[in-house]
Amino acid sequence: MNARRLEQQITFILEIDKLKKVLRQTVLTDSSRQENSVEHSWHIAVMALCLVEYAKDGPVDLLRVVSMLLIHDLVEIDAGDTYCYDGEGTKDQRKRELRAADRIFNLLPADQAAQIRTLWDEFEAGTTPEARFAAALDRLQPLLHNYSTNGIMWRTHGIEKGQVVARNDPIDDGAPDLWAFAAYLIDDAVEKGILAE
């Protein structure tokens, strides 16, 4: 056993527990509280298992998709969660997240740090079928929550249909059938009065 390697791995494992404290601007479907980033990551990882048949460029490497979904928000430990409709907060988001990725992933032994960073970079670049599908699910999950909670957070932040369409349109790049479903939900939300036109 390599004691130094194990120590680095345990340090990383304990560090990522901090993601449980990062609250998102998404409410649980029962409207009881905001979800945290770990719950979000777990939820979309399970979504990937259930919805993989809808990947645009399938078949995709499901393990790679799930791995990206489980690690893509680890940077929020340092960078915090940036609300997707916060124009001011998104200005320096990339810089904050890159700095966080450098620190957090490098807690691991070099080979594992490189492996995790490669997955994170792939998700961020969005150029592979796996990354596009993962990103589609990352957009769809909060939309499902907003729709299921009668638009609590949309209404709280004064979000309108055009913003939701622009934010979620990339679902089409990774899963066109899921985008058709998302577009239906958006239109239905407007019709029900839970999303402003």
N, C-alpha and C. Protein backbone atom coordinates (compact mmCIF):
# COMPACT_ATOMS: atom_id res chain seq x y z
N MET A 1 0.84 -1.19 0.00
CA MET A 1 0.00 0.00 0.00
C MET A 1 0.88 1.25 0.00
N ASN A 2 0.47 2.22 -0.80
CA ASN A 2 1.16 3.50 -0.86
C ASN A 2 0.42 4.46 0.10
N ALA A 3 1.03 4.67 1.26
CA ALA A 3 0.37 5.47 2.30
C ALA A 3 0.12 6.91 1.85
N ARG A 4 1.05 7.49 1.14
CA ARG A 4 0.90 8.88 0.67
C ARG A 4 -0.28 8.98 -0.31
N ARG A 5 -0.38 8.00 -1.20
CA ARG A 5 -1.48 8.00 -2.18
C ARG A 5 -2.83 7.90 -1.48
N LEU A 6 -2.93 6.98 -0.54
CA LEU A 6 -4.17 6.82 0.20
C LEU A 6 -4.52 8.08 0.98
N GLU A 7 -3.52 8.71 1.56
CA GLU A 7 -3.75 9.96 2.30
C GLU A 7 -4.32 11.03 1.38
N GLN A 8 -3.77 11.15 0.17
CA GLN A 8 -4.27 12.14 -0.79
C GLN A 8 -5.71 11.81 -1.20
N GLN A 9 -5.99 10.55 -1.43
CA GLN A 9 -7.34 10.15 -1.83
C GLN A 9 -8.35 10.43 -0.73
N ILE A 10 -7.99 10.13 0.51
CA ILE A 10 -8.90 10.39 1.64
C ILE A 10 -9.08 11.90 1.83
N THR A 11 -8.02 12.67 1.67
CA THR A 11 -8.13 14.13 1.76
C THR A 11 -9.14 14.66 0.75
N PHE A 12 -9.05 14.17 -0.48
CA PHE A 12 -9.99 14.58 -1.53
C PHE A 12 -11.42 14.16 -1.17
N ILE A 13 -11.58 12.93 -0.72
CA ILE A 13 -12.91 12.41 -0.37
C ILE A 13 -13.54 13.25 0.74
N LEU A 14 -12.77 13.62 1.73
CA LEU A 14 -13.29 14.46 2.81
C LEU A 14 -13.58 15.88 2.31
N GLU A 15 -12.74 16.38 1.42
CA GLU A 15 -12.95 17.73 0.89
C GLU A 15 -14.24 17.82 0.10
N ILE A 16 -14.53 16.82 -0.72
CA ILE A 16 -15.73 16.93 -1.56
C ILE A 16 -17.01 16.80 -0.75
N ASP A 17 -16.92 16.36 0.50
CA ASP A 17 -18.09 16.36 1.37
C ASP A 17 -18.64 17.77 1.55
N LYS A 18 -17.80 18.77 1.38
CA LYS A 18 -18.22 20.17 1.52
C LYS A 18 -19.26 20.58 0.49
N LEU A 19 -19.36 19.82 -0.60
CA LEU A 19 -20.34 20.16 -1.63
C LEU A 19 -21.77 20.04 -1.09
N LYS A 20 -21.95 19.25 -0.04
CA LYS A 20 -23.27 19.10 0.57
C LYS A 20 -23.79 20.41 1.15
N LYS A 21 -22.90 21.35 1.43
CA LYS A 21 -23.30 22.63 2.03
C LYS A 21 -23.63 23.68 0.98
N VAL A 22 -23.37 23.41 -0.30
CA VAL A 22 -23.61 24.39 -1.37
C VAL A 22 -25.07 24.29 -1.80
N LEU A 23 -25.83 25.32 -1.48
CA LEU A 23 -27.24 25.35 -1.85
C LEU A 23 -27.42 25.94 -3.24
N ARG A 24 -28.34 25.36 -3.98
CA ARG A 24 -28.64 25.80 -5.34
C ARG A 24 -29.95 26.60 -5.36
N GLN A 25 -30.18 27.30 -6.45
CA GLN A 25 -31.43 28.04 -6.63
C GLN A 25 -32.49 27.12 -7.25
N THR A 26 -32.51 25.89 -6.79
CA THR A 26 -33.50 24.91 -7.22
C THR A 26 -34.14 24.35 -5.95
N VAL A 27 -35.45 24.26 -5.98
CA VAL A 27 -36.20 23.76 -4.83
C VAL A 27 -36.53 22.29 -5.08
N LEU A 28 -36.50 21.49 -4.02
CA LEU A 28 -36.92 20.10 -4.14
C LEU A 28 -38.34 20.04 -4.70
N THR A 29 -38.68 18.95 -5.35
CA THR A 29 -39.99 18.86 -5.99
C THR A 29 -41.15 18.92 -5.01
N ASP A 30 -40.89 18.69 -3.72
CA ASP A 30 -41.96 18.85 -2.74
C ASP A 30 -42.00 20.28 -2.17
N SER A 31 -41.14 21.14 -2.71
CA SER A 31 -41.07 22.56 -2.34
C SER A 31 -40.63 22.81 -0.91
N SER A 32 -40.08 21.81 -0.24
CA SER A 32 -39.76 21.94 1.18
C SER A 32 -38.49 22.74 1.45
N ARG A 33 -37.53 22.71 0.51
CA ARG A 33 -36.28 23.42 0.72
C ARG A 33 -35.49 23.44 -0.57
N GLN A 34 -34.41 24.22 -0.56
CA GLN A 34 -33.50 24.22 -1.70
C GLN A 34 -32.69 22.92 -1.70
N GLU A 35 -32.36 22.46 -2.90
CA GLU A 35 -31.49 21.29 -2.97
C GLU A 35 -30.04 21.75 -2.84
N ASN A 36 -29.17 20.82 -2.45
CA ASN A 36 -27.74 21.14 -2.45
C ASN A 36 -27.10 20.53 -3.69
N SER A 37 -25.87 20.88 -3.95
CA SER A 37 -25.22 20.47 -5.19
C SER A 37 -24.96 18.97 -5.26
N VAL A 38 -24.79 18.32 -4.13
CA VAL A 38 -24.61 16.86 -4.14
C VAL A 38 -25.91 16.19 -4.58
N GLU A 39 -27.02 16.66 -4.06
CA GLU A 39 -28.31 16.10 -4.46
C GLU A 39 -28.55 16.29 -5.95
N HIS A 40 -28.19 17.45 -6.45
CA HIS A 40 -28.31 17.73 -7.88
C HIS A 40 -27.47 16.75 -8.70
N SER A 41 -26.21 16.57 -8.31
CA SER A 41 -25.30 15.69 -9.05
C SER A 41 -25.79 14.24 -9.03
N TRP A 42 -26.22 13.79 -7.86
CA TRP A 42 -26.75 12.43 -7.75
C TRP A 42 -27.98 12.27 -8.63
N HIS A 43 -28.87 13.25 -8.58
CA HIS A 43 -30.14 13.15 -9.31
C HIS A 43 -29.90 13.05 -10.80
N ILE A 44 -29.02 13.89 -11.34
CA ILE A 44 -28.79 13.82 -12.79
C ILE A 44 -27.98 12.59 -13.19
N ALA A 45 -27.18 12.07 -12.29
CA ALA A 45 -26.47 10.82 -12.59
C ALA A 45 -27.48 9.68 -12.75
N VAL A 46 -28.48 9.63 -11.87
CA VAL A 46 -29.53 8.61 -12.00
C VAL A 46 -30.38 8.89 -13.24
N MET A 47 -30.62 10.16 -13.54
CA MET A 47 -31.34 10.50 -14.77
C MET A 47 -30.61 9.93 -15.99
N ALA A 48 -29.29 10.01 -15.98
CA ALA A 48 -28.51 9.48 -17.10
C ALA A 48 -28.76 7.98 -17.28
N LEU A 49 -28.82 7.25 -16.17
CA LEU A 49 -29.10 5.82 -16.25
C LEU A 49 -30.46 5.55 -16.86
N CYS A 50 -31.44 6.37 -16.52
CA CYS A 50 -32.81 6.17 -16.99
C CYS A 50 -33.05 6.69 -18.41
N LEU A 51 -32.33 7.73 -18.80
CA LEU A 51 -32.65 8.43 -20.05
C LEU A 51 -31.59 8.29 -21.14
N VAL A 52 -30.61 7.40 -20.94
CA VAL A 52 -29.50 7.28 -21.88
C VAL A 52 -29.97 6.98 -23.31
N GLU A 53 -31.11 6.34 -23.45
CA GLU A 53 -31.61 6.02 -24.80
C GLU A 53 -31.92 7.27 -25.62
N TYR A 54 -32.02 8.43 -24.97
CA TYR A 54 -32.36 9.66 -25.68
C TYR A 54 -31.13 10.47 -26.11
N ALA A 55 -29.95 9.95 -25.82
CA ALA A 55 -28.73 10.65 -26.24
C ALA A 55 -28.71 10.79 -27.75
N LYS A 56 -28.45 11.98 -28.22
CA LYS A 56 -28.49 12.28 -29.65
C LYS A 56 -27.52 11.43 -30.45
N ASP A 57 -26.32 11.33 -29.97
CA ASP A 57 -25.26 10.65 -30.71
C ASP A 57 -24.96 9.29 -30.09
N GLY A 58 -26.00 8.57 -29.72
CA GLY A 58 -25.83 7.29 -29.04
C GLY A 58 -25.34 6.21 -29.98
N PRO A 59 -24.87 5.11 -29.42
CA PRO A 59 -24.78 4.94 -27.98
C PRO A 59 -23.60 5.72 -27.41
N VAL A 60 -23.80 6.26 -26.21
CA VAL A 60 -22.74 7.00 -25.53
C VAL A 60 -22.14 6.12 -24.44
N ASP A 61 -20.95 6.51 -24.01
CA ASP A 61 -20.28 5.81 -22.91
C ASP A 61 -20.94 6.27 -21.61
N LEU A 62 -21.84 5.44 -21.09
CA LEU A 62 -22.64 5.82 -19.93
C LEU A 62 -21.78 6.05 -18.70
N LEU A 63 -20.74 5.26 -18.50
CA LEU A 63 -19.87 5.47 -17.35
C LEU A 63 -19.22 6.84 -17.43
N ARG A 64 -18.82 7.24 -18.61
CA ARG A 64 -18.20 8.56 -18.79
C ARG A 64 -19.22 9.68 -18.49
N VAL A 65 -20.44 9.50 -18.97
CA VAL A 65 -21.50 10.49 -18.72
C VAL A 65 -21.75 10.61 -17.22
N VAL A 66 -21.96 9.49 -16.55
CA VAL A 66 -22.24 9.50 -15.12
C VAL A 66 -21.06 10.09 -14.35
N SER A 67 -19.86 9.75 -14.75
CA SER A 67 -18.66 10.30 -14.08
C SER A 67 -18.63 11.81 -14.21
N MET A 68 -18.91 12.33 -15.39
CA MET A 68 -18.93 13.79 -15.58
C MET A 68 -19.99 14.43 -14.70
N LEU A 69 -21.16 13.81 -14.64
CA LEU A 69 -22.24 14.38 -13.85
C LEU A 69 -21.94 14.37 -12.36
N LEU A 70 -21.20 13.38 -11.90
CA LEU A 70 -20.86 13.32 -10.48
C LEU A 70 -19.76 14.30 -10.09
N ILE A 71 -18.91 14.70 -11.03
CA ILE A 71 -17.80 15.59 -10.66
C ILE A 71 -17.95 17.02 -11.19
N HIS A 72 -18.90 17.28 -12.07
CA HIS A 72 -18.92 18.58 -12.76
C HIS A 72 -19.12 19.77 -11.83
N ASP A 73 -19.78 19.57 -10.70
CA ASP A 73 -20.04 20.69 -9.80
C ASP A 73 -19.13 20.71 -8.57
N LEU A 74 -18.13 19.84 -8.51
CA LEU A 74 -17.22 19.85 -7.36
C LEU A 74 -16.55 21.21 -7.18
N VAL A 75 -16.38 21.93 -8.27
CA VAL A 75 -15.74 23.25 -8.19
C VAL A 75 -16.56 24.24 -7.37
N GLU A 76 -17.84 23.95 -7.18
CA GLU A 76 -18.69 24.85 -6.40
C GLU A 76 -18.30 24.89 -4.93
N ILE A 77 -17.48 23.94 -4.49
CA ILE A 77 -16.98 23.98 -3.11
C ILE A 77 -16.27 25.31 -2.87
N ASP A 78 -15.48 25.74 -3.83
CA ASP A 78 -14.77 27.02 -3.73
C ASP A 78 -15.50 28.14 -4.46
N ALA A 79 -16.04 27.84 -5.63
CA ALA A 79 -16.61 28.88 -6.50
C ALA A 79 -18.05 29.24 -6.13
N GLY A 80 -18.70 28.39 -5.36
CA GLY A 80 -20.11 28.60 -5.05
C GLY A 80 -20.98 28.27 -6.25
N ASP A 81 -22.27 28.20 -6.01
CA ASP A 81 -23.22 27.96 -7.10
C ASP A 81 -23.58 29.30 -7.71
N THR A 82 -23.44 29.40 -9.00
CA THR A 82 -23.82 30.62 -9.71
C THR A 82 -25.17 30.38 -10.36
N TYR A 83 -26.15 31.16 -9.97
CA TYR A 83 -27.49 31.01 -10.53
C TYR A 83 -27.42 31.27 -12.02
N CYS A 84 -27.98 30.35 -12.79
CA CYS A 84 -27.83 30.40 -14.25
C CYS A 84 -28.42 31.66 -14.88
N TYR A 85 -29.33 32.33 -14.21
CA TYR A 85 -29.93 33.55 -14.76
C TYR A 85 -29.31 34.82 -14.17
N ASP A 86 -28.25 34.67 -13.43
CA ASP A 86 -27.57 35.80 -12.79
C ASP A 86 -26.48 36.34 -13.72
N GLY A 87 -26.83 37.35 -14.51
CA GLY A 87 -25.89 37.91 -15.48
C GLY A 87 -24.62 38.44 -14.85
N GLU A 88 -24.73 39.03 -13.67
CA GLU A 88 -23.56 39.57 -12.98
C GLU A 88 -22.67 38.44 -12.46
N GLY A 89 -23.29 37.45 -11.84
CA GLY A 89 -22.54 36.34 -11.25
C GLY A 89 -21.82 35.47 -12.27
N THR A 90 -22.37 35.42 -13.48
CA THR A 90 -21.75 34.57 -14.50
C THR A 90 -20.52 35.22 -15.14
N LYS A 91 -20.32 36.51 -14.90
CA LYS A 91 -19.19 37.22 -15.53
C LYS A 91 -17.83 36.63 -15.14
N ASP A 92 -17.66 36.31 -13.88
CA ASP A 92 -16.37 35.76 -13.44
C ASP A 92 -16.47 34.29 -13.04
N GLN A 93 -17.57 33.65 -13.40
CA GLN A 93 -17.79 32.26 -13.03
C GLN A 93 -16.68 31.34 -13.55
N ARG A 94 -16.32 31.48 -14.80
CA ARG A 94 -15.30 30.61 -15.39
C ARG A 94 -13.98 30.74 -14.65
N LYS A 95 -13.59 31.94 -14.34
CA LYS A 95 -12.33 32.18 -13.63
C LYS A 95 -12.35 31.54 -12.25
N ARG A 96 -13.46 31.72 -11.52
CA ARG A 96 -13.60 31.13 -10.19
C ARG A 96 -13.57 29.61 -10.25
N GLU A 97 -14.25 29.05 -11.24
CA GLU A 97 -14.32 27.60 -11.34
C GLU A 97 -12.99 26.98 -11.77
N LEU A 98 -12.25 27.64 -12.65
CA LEU A 98 -10.93 27.14 -13.04
C LEU A 98 -9.98 27.10 -11.84
N ARG A 99 -10.01 28.16 -11.06
CA ARG A 99 -9.17 28.22 -9.86
C ARG A 99 -9.56 27.10 -8.89
N ALA A 100 -10.85 26.87 -8.74
CA ALA A 100 -11.33 25.81 -7.85
C ALA A 100 -10.93 24.44 -8.38
N ALA A 101 -11.04 24.23 -9.67
CA ALA A 101 -10.66 22.94 -10.27
C ALA A 101 -9.18 22.65 -10.01
N ASP A 102 -8.36 23.67 -10.17
CA ASP A 102 -6.92 23.49 -9.93
C ASP A 102 -6.65 23.05 -8.49
N ARG A 103 -7.32 23.68 -7.55
CA ARG A 103 -7.07 23.34 -6.15
C ARG A 103 -7.66 21.98 -5.76
N ILE A 104 -8.93 21.81 -6.05
CA ILE A 104 -9.65 20.63 -5.55
C ILE A 104 -9.16 19.34 -6.20
N PHE A 105 -9.06 19.33 -7.51
CA PHE A 105 -8.67 18.10 -8.20
C PHE A 105 -7.23 17.72 -7.87
N ASN A 106 -6.40 18.71 -7.62
CA ASN A 106 -5.00 18.41 -7.32
C ASN A 106 -4.76 17.94 -5.90
N LEU A 107 -5.81 17.77 -5.13
CA LEU A 107 -5.68 17.10 -3.84
C LEU A 107 -5.42 15.61 -4.05
N LEU A 108 -5.86 15.09 -5.18
CA LEU A 108 -5.69 13.69 -5.53
C LEU A 108 -4.26 13.41 -6.00
N PRO A 109 -3.85 12.14 -6.02
CA PRO A 109 -2.59 11.79 -6.67
C PRO A 109 -2.62 12.25 -8.13
N ALA A 110 -1.48 12.54 -8.68
CA ALA A 110 -1.38 13.18 -9.99
C ALA A 110 -2.16 12.46 -11.09
N ASP A 111 -2.10 11.13 -11.12
CA ASP A 111 -2.80 10.40 -12.18
C ASP A 111 -4.31 10.55 -12.06
N GLN A 112 -4.83 10.47 -10.84
CA GLN A 112 -6.27 10.63 -10.64
C GLN A 112 -6.69 12.08 -10.83
N ALA A 113 -5.86 13.01 -10.40
CA ALA A 113 -6.16 14.43 -10.61
C ALA A 113 -6.31 14.72 -12.10
N ALA A 114 -5.41 14.17 -12.90
CA ALA A 114 -5.46 14.37 -14.35
C ALA A 114 -6.72 13.74 -14.94
N GLN A 115 -7.08 12.57 -14.45
CA GLN A 115 -8.27 11.87 -14.95
C GLN A 115 -9.54 12.67 -14.65
N ILE A 116 -9.68 13.13 -13.43
CA ILE A 116 -10.85 13.91 -13.03
C ILE A 116 -10.88 15.24 -13.78
N ARG A 117 -9.73 15.88 -13.91
CA ARG A 117 -9.68 17.17 -14.62
C ARG A 117 -10.04 16.99 -16.08
N THR A 118 -9.62 15.90 -16.69
CA THR A 118 -9.97 15.64 -18.08
C THR A 118 -11.48 15.50 -18.24
N LEU A 119 -12.11 14.79 -17.32
CA LEU A 119 -13.57 14.66 -17.36
C LEU A 119 -14.26 16.02 -17.18
N TRP A 120 -13.77 16.80 -16.24
CA TRP A 120 -14.36 18.12 -15.98
C TRP A 120 -14.19 19.02 -17.20
N ASP A 121 -12.99 19.01 -17.79
CA ASP A 121 -12.73 19.82 -18.98
C ASP A 121 -13.61 19.37 -20.15
N GLU A 122 -13.80 18.07 -20.28
CA GLU A 122 -14.65 17.54 -21.35
C GLU A 122 -16.10 18.03 -21.17
N PHE A 123 -16.59 17.96 -19.94
CA PHE A 123 -17.95 18.45 -19.67
C PHE A 123 -18.05 19.93 -20.01
N GLU A 124 -17.09 20.71 -19.57
CA GLU A 124 -17.11 22.15 -19.80
C GLU A 124 -17.03 22.50 -21.29
N ALA A 125 -16.24 21.76 -22.04
CA ALA A 125 -16.08 22.03 -23.47
C ALA A 125 -17.33 21.65 -24.26
N GLY A 126 -17.99 20.59 -23.83
CA GLY A 126 -19.24 20.18 -24.47
C GLY A 126 -19.10 19.74 -25.91
N THR A 127 -17.98 19.19 -26.28
CA THR A 127 -17.76 18.83 -27.68
C THR A 127 -17.95 17.35 -27.98
N THR A 128 -17.98 16.50 -26.97
CA THR A 128 -18.16 15.07 -27.20
C THR A 128 -19.64 14.71 -27.03
N PRO A 129 -20.07 13.60 -27.63
CA PRO A 129 -21.47 13.17 -27.42
C PRO A 129 -21.80 13.00 -25.94
N GLU A 130 -20.85 12.45 -25.18
CA GLU A 130 -21.09 12.25 -23.75
C GLU A 130 -21.26 13.58 -23.02
N ALA A 131 -20.43 14.54 -23.33
CA ALA A 131 -20.53 15.85 -22.67
C ALA A 131 -21.82 16.57 -23.05
N ARG A 132 -22.20 16.46 -24.31
CA ARG A 132 -23.45 17.11 -24.73
C ARG A 132 -24.66 16.48 -24.06
N PHE A 133 -24.65 15.15 -23.93
CA PHE A 133 -25.77 14.49 -23.25
C PHE A 133 -25.78 14.85 -21.76
N ALA A 134 -24.61 14.84 -21.14
CA ALA A 134 -24.51 15.22 -19.72
C ALA A 134 -25.03 16.65 -19.52
N ALA A 135 -24.64 17.54 -20.39
CA ALA A 135 -25.07 18.94 -20.28
C ALA A 135 -26.58 19.06 -20.48
N ALA A 136 -27.13 18.25 -21.37
CA ALA A 136 -28.58 18.27 -21.59
C ALA A 136 -29.31 17.91 -20.30
N LEU A 137 -28.82 16.89 -19.62
CA LEU A 137 -29.45 16.48 -18.36
C LEU A 137 -29.26 17.53 -17.28
N ASP A 138 -28.10 18.18 -17.28
CA ASP A 138 -27.82 19.24 -16.30
C ASP A 138 -28.77 20.42 -16.47
N ARG A 139 -29.25 20.65 -17.68
CA ARG A 139 -30.23 21.71 -17.94
C ARG A 139 -31.66 21.23 -17.64
N LEU A 140 -31.93 19.98 -18.00
CA LEU A 140 -33.28 19.46 -17.83
C LEU A 140 -33.69 19.32 -16.36
N GLN A 141 -32.77 18.90 -15.51
CA GLN A 141 -33.11 18.63 -14.12
C GLN A 141 -33.70 19.85 -13.40
N PRO A 142 -33.06 21.03 -13.46
CA PRO A 142 -33.68 22.19 -12.79
C PRO A 142 -34.99 22.62 -13.43
N LEU A 143 -35.10 22.42 -14.73
CA LEU A 143 -36.36 22.73 -15.41
C LEU A 143 -37.49 21.85 -14.85
N LEU A 144 -37.21 20.58 -14.68
CA LEU A 144 -38.21 19.67 -14.08
C LEU A 144 -38.60 20.14 -12.69
N HIS A 145 -37.62 20.57 -11.91
CA HIS A 145 -37.91 21.05 -10.56
C HIS A 145 -38.74 22.32 -10.59
N ASN A 146 -38.37 23.26 -11.45
CA ASN A 146 -39.14 24.49 -11.54
C ASN A 146 -40.59 24.21 -11.95
N TYR A 147 -40.75 23.36 -12.93
CA TYR A 147 -42.09 23.02 -13.40
C TYR A 147 -42.88 22.32 -12.28
N SER A 148 -42.24 21.38 -11.59
CA SER A 148 -42.91 20.59 -10.55
C SER A 148 -43.28 21.40 -9.32
N THR A 149 -42.61 22.52 -9.11
CA THR A 149 -42.88 23.35 -7.94
C THR A 149 -43.68 24.60 -8.31
N ASN A 150 -44.36 24.52 -9.43
CA ASN A 150 -45.18 25.66 -9.90
C ASN A 150 -44.36 26.94 -10.05
N GLY A 151 -43.12 26.76 -10.46
CA GLY A 151 -42.29 27.91 -10.80
C GLY A 151 -41.86 28.77 -9.63
N ILE A 152 -41.71 28.19 -8.45
CA ILE A 152 -41.35 28.97 -7.27
C ILE A 152 -40.12 29.85 -7.53
N MET A 153 -39.05 29.25 -8.01
CA MET A 153 -37.82 30.02 -8.20
C MET A 153 -37.89 30.92 -9.43
N TRP A 154 -38.61 30.51 -10.45
CA TRP A 154 -38.81 31.40 -11.59
C TRP A 154 -39.51 32.67 -11.13
N ARG A 155 -40.56 32.50 -10.34
CA ARG A 155 -41.32 33.66 -9.87
C ARG A 155 -40.51 34.50 -8.88
N THR A 156 -39.77 33.83 -8.01
CA THR A 156 -38.94 34.53 -7.02
C THR A 156 -37.94 35.46 -7.70
N HIS A 157 -37.38 34.99 -8.81
CA HIS A 157 -36.34 35.76 -9.50
C HIS A 157 -36.85 36.52 -10.72
N GLY A 158 -38.15 36.49 -10.96
CA GLY A 158 -38.72 37.23 -12.09
C GLY A 158 -38.26 36.72 -13.44
N ILE A 159 -38.13 35.42 -13.58
CA ILE A 159 -37.65 34.82 -14.81
C ILE A 159 -38.80 34.70 -15.82
N GLU A 160 -38.46 34.95 -17.09
CA GLU A 160 -39.46 34.89 -18.15
C GLU A 160 -39.15 33.77 -19.14
N LYS A 161 -40.14 33.45 -19.95
CA LYS A 161 -40.04 32.34 -20.90
C LYS A 161 -38.79 32.43 -21.78
N GLY A 162 -38.52 33.60 -22.34
CA GLY A 162 -37.37 33.74 -23.23
C GLY A 162 -36.06 33.34 -22.56
N GLN A 163 -35.93 33.67 -21.29
CA GLN A 163 -34.72 33.29 -20.55
C GLN A 163 -34.63 31.78 -20.37
N VAL A 164 -35.77 31.16 -20.08
CA VAL A 164 -35.80 29.72 -19.85
C VAL A 164 -35.51 28.98 -21.16
N VAL A 165 -36.07 29.47 -22.25
CA VAL A 165 -35.81 28.85 -23.55
C VAL A 165 -34.32 28.96 -23.90
N ALA A 166 -33.76 30.16 -23.75
CA ALA A 166 -32.34 30.36 -24.08
C ALA A 166 -31.44 29.48 -23.21
N ARG A 167 -31.76 29.36 -21.95
CA ARG A 167 -30.97 28.55 -21.03
C ARG A 167 -31.04 27.07 -21.38
N ASN A 168 -32.20 26.61 -21.80
CA ASN A 168 -32.41 25.18 -21.99
C ASN A 168 -32.30 24.71 -23.43
N ASP A 169 -32.22 25.61 -24.37
CA ASP A 169 -32.09 25.25 -25.78
C ASP A 169 -30.93 24.28 -26.05
N PRO A 170 -29.79 24.38 -25.32
CA PRO A 170 -28.71 23.42 -25.55
C PRO A 170 -29.07 21.95 -25.26
N ILE A 171 -30.20 21.71 -24.62
CA ILE A 171 -30.64 20.32 -24.44
C ILE A 171 -30.74 19.64 -25.80
N ASP A 172 -31.14 20.41 -26.81
CA ASP A 172 -31.29 19.88 -28.16
C ASP A 172 -29.98 19.32 -28.72
N ASP A 173 -28.85 19.88 -28.31
CA ASP A 173 -27.55 19.40 -28.79
C ASP A 173 -27.22 18.00 -28.29
N GLY A 174 -27.73 17.64 -27.13
CA GLY A 174 -27.40 16.34 -26.56
C GLY A 174 -28.53 15.34 -26.57
N ALA A 175 -29.77 15.84 -26.66
CA ALA A 175 -30.93 14.95 -26.57
C ALA A 175 -32.16 15.64 -27.16
N PRO A 176 -32.31 15.64 -28.49
CA PRO A 176 -33.43 16.36 -29.12
C PRO A 176 -34.81 15.97 -28.60
N ASP A 177 -35.02 14.69 -28.32
CA ASP A 177 -36.34 14.29 -27.78
C ASP A 177 -36.59 14.90 -26.41
N LEU A 178 -35.54 14.99 -25.61
CA LEU A 178 -35.69 15.63 -24.30
C LEU A 178 -35.91 17.13 -24.44
N TRP A 179 -35.33 17.74 -25.48
CA TRP A 179 -35.58 19.16 -25.74
C TRP A 179 -37.04 19.37 -26.13
N ALA A 180 -37.60 18.48 -26.95
CA ALA A 180 -39.01 18.60 -27.33
C ALA A 180 -39.89 18.52 -26.08
N PHE A 181 -39.53 17.62 -25.16
CA PHE A 181 -40.28 17.50 -23.91
C PHE A 181 -40.11 18.77 -23.07
N ALA A 182 -38.88 19.28 -22.99
CA ALA A 182 -38.61 20.50 -22.22
C ALA A 182 -39.38 21.68 -22.80
N ALA A 183 -39.39 21.80 -24.11
CA ALA A 183 -40.12 22.90 -24.76
C ALA A 183 -41.60 22.81 -24.45
N TYR A 184 -42.13 21.60 -24.43
CA TYR A 184 -43.53 21.41 -24.04
C TYR A 184 -43.76 21.90 -22.61
N LEU A 185 -42.87 21.52 -21.69
CA LEU A 185 -43.02 21.95 -20.29
C LEU A 185 -42.98 23.47 -20.17
N ILE A 186 -42.08 24.10 -20.92
CA ILE A 186 -41.96 25.55 -20.87
C ILE A 186 -43.26 26.20 -21.35
N ASP A 187 -43.77 25.74 -22.48
CA ASP A 187 -45.03 26.30 -23.00
C ASP A 187 -46.18 26.05 -22.04
N ASP A 188 -46.22 24.86 -21.46
CA ASP A 188 -47.29 24.53 -20.52
C ASP A 188 -47.18 25.38 -19.25
N ALA A 189 -45.94 25.65 -18.81
CA ALA A 189 -45.74 26.50 -17.64
C ALA A 189 -46.28 27.91 -17.88
N VAL A 190 -46.07 28.41 -19.10
CA VAL A 190 -46.60 29.74 -19.44
C VAL A 190 -48.13 29.69 -19.45
N GLU A 191 -48.67 28.64 -20.06
CA GLU A 191 -50.13 28.51 -20.14
C GLU A 191 -50.76 28.40 -18.75
N LYS A 192 -50.06 27.73 -17.81
CA LYS A 192 -50.58 27.57 -16.45
C LYS A 192 -50.32 28.80 -15.58
N GLY A 193 -49.56 29.76 -16.10
CA GLY A 193 -49.28 30.97 -15.35
C GLY A 193 -48.17 30.83 -14.32
N ILE A 194 -47.35 29.78 -14.43
CA ILE A 194 -46.25 29.63 -13.48
C ILE A 194 -44.92 30.14 -14.05
N LEU A 195 -44.93 30.57 -15.29
CA LEU A 195 -43.76 31.18 -15.93
C LEU A 195 -44.27 32.37 -16.74
N ALA A 196 -43.66 33.52 -16.51
CA ALA A 196 -44.08 34.73 -17.22
C ALA A 196 -43.71 34.65 -18.69
N GLU A 197 -44.60 35.16 -19.52
CA GLU A 197 -44.38 35.21 -20.97
C GLU A 197 -43.26 36.21 -21.25
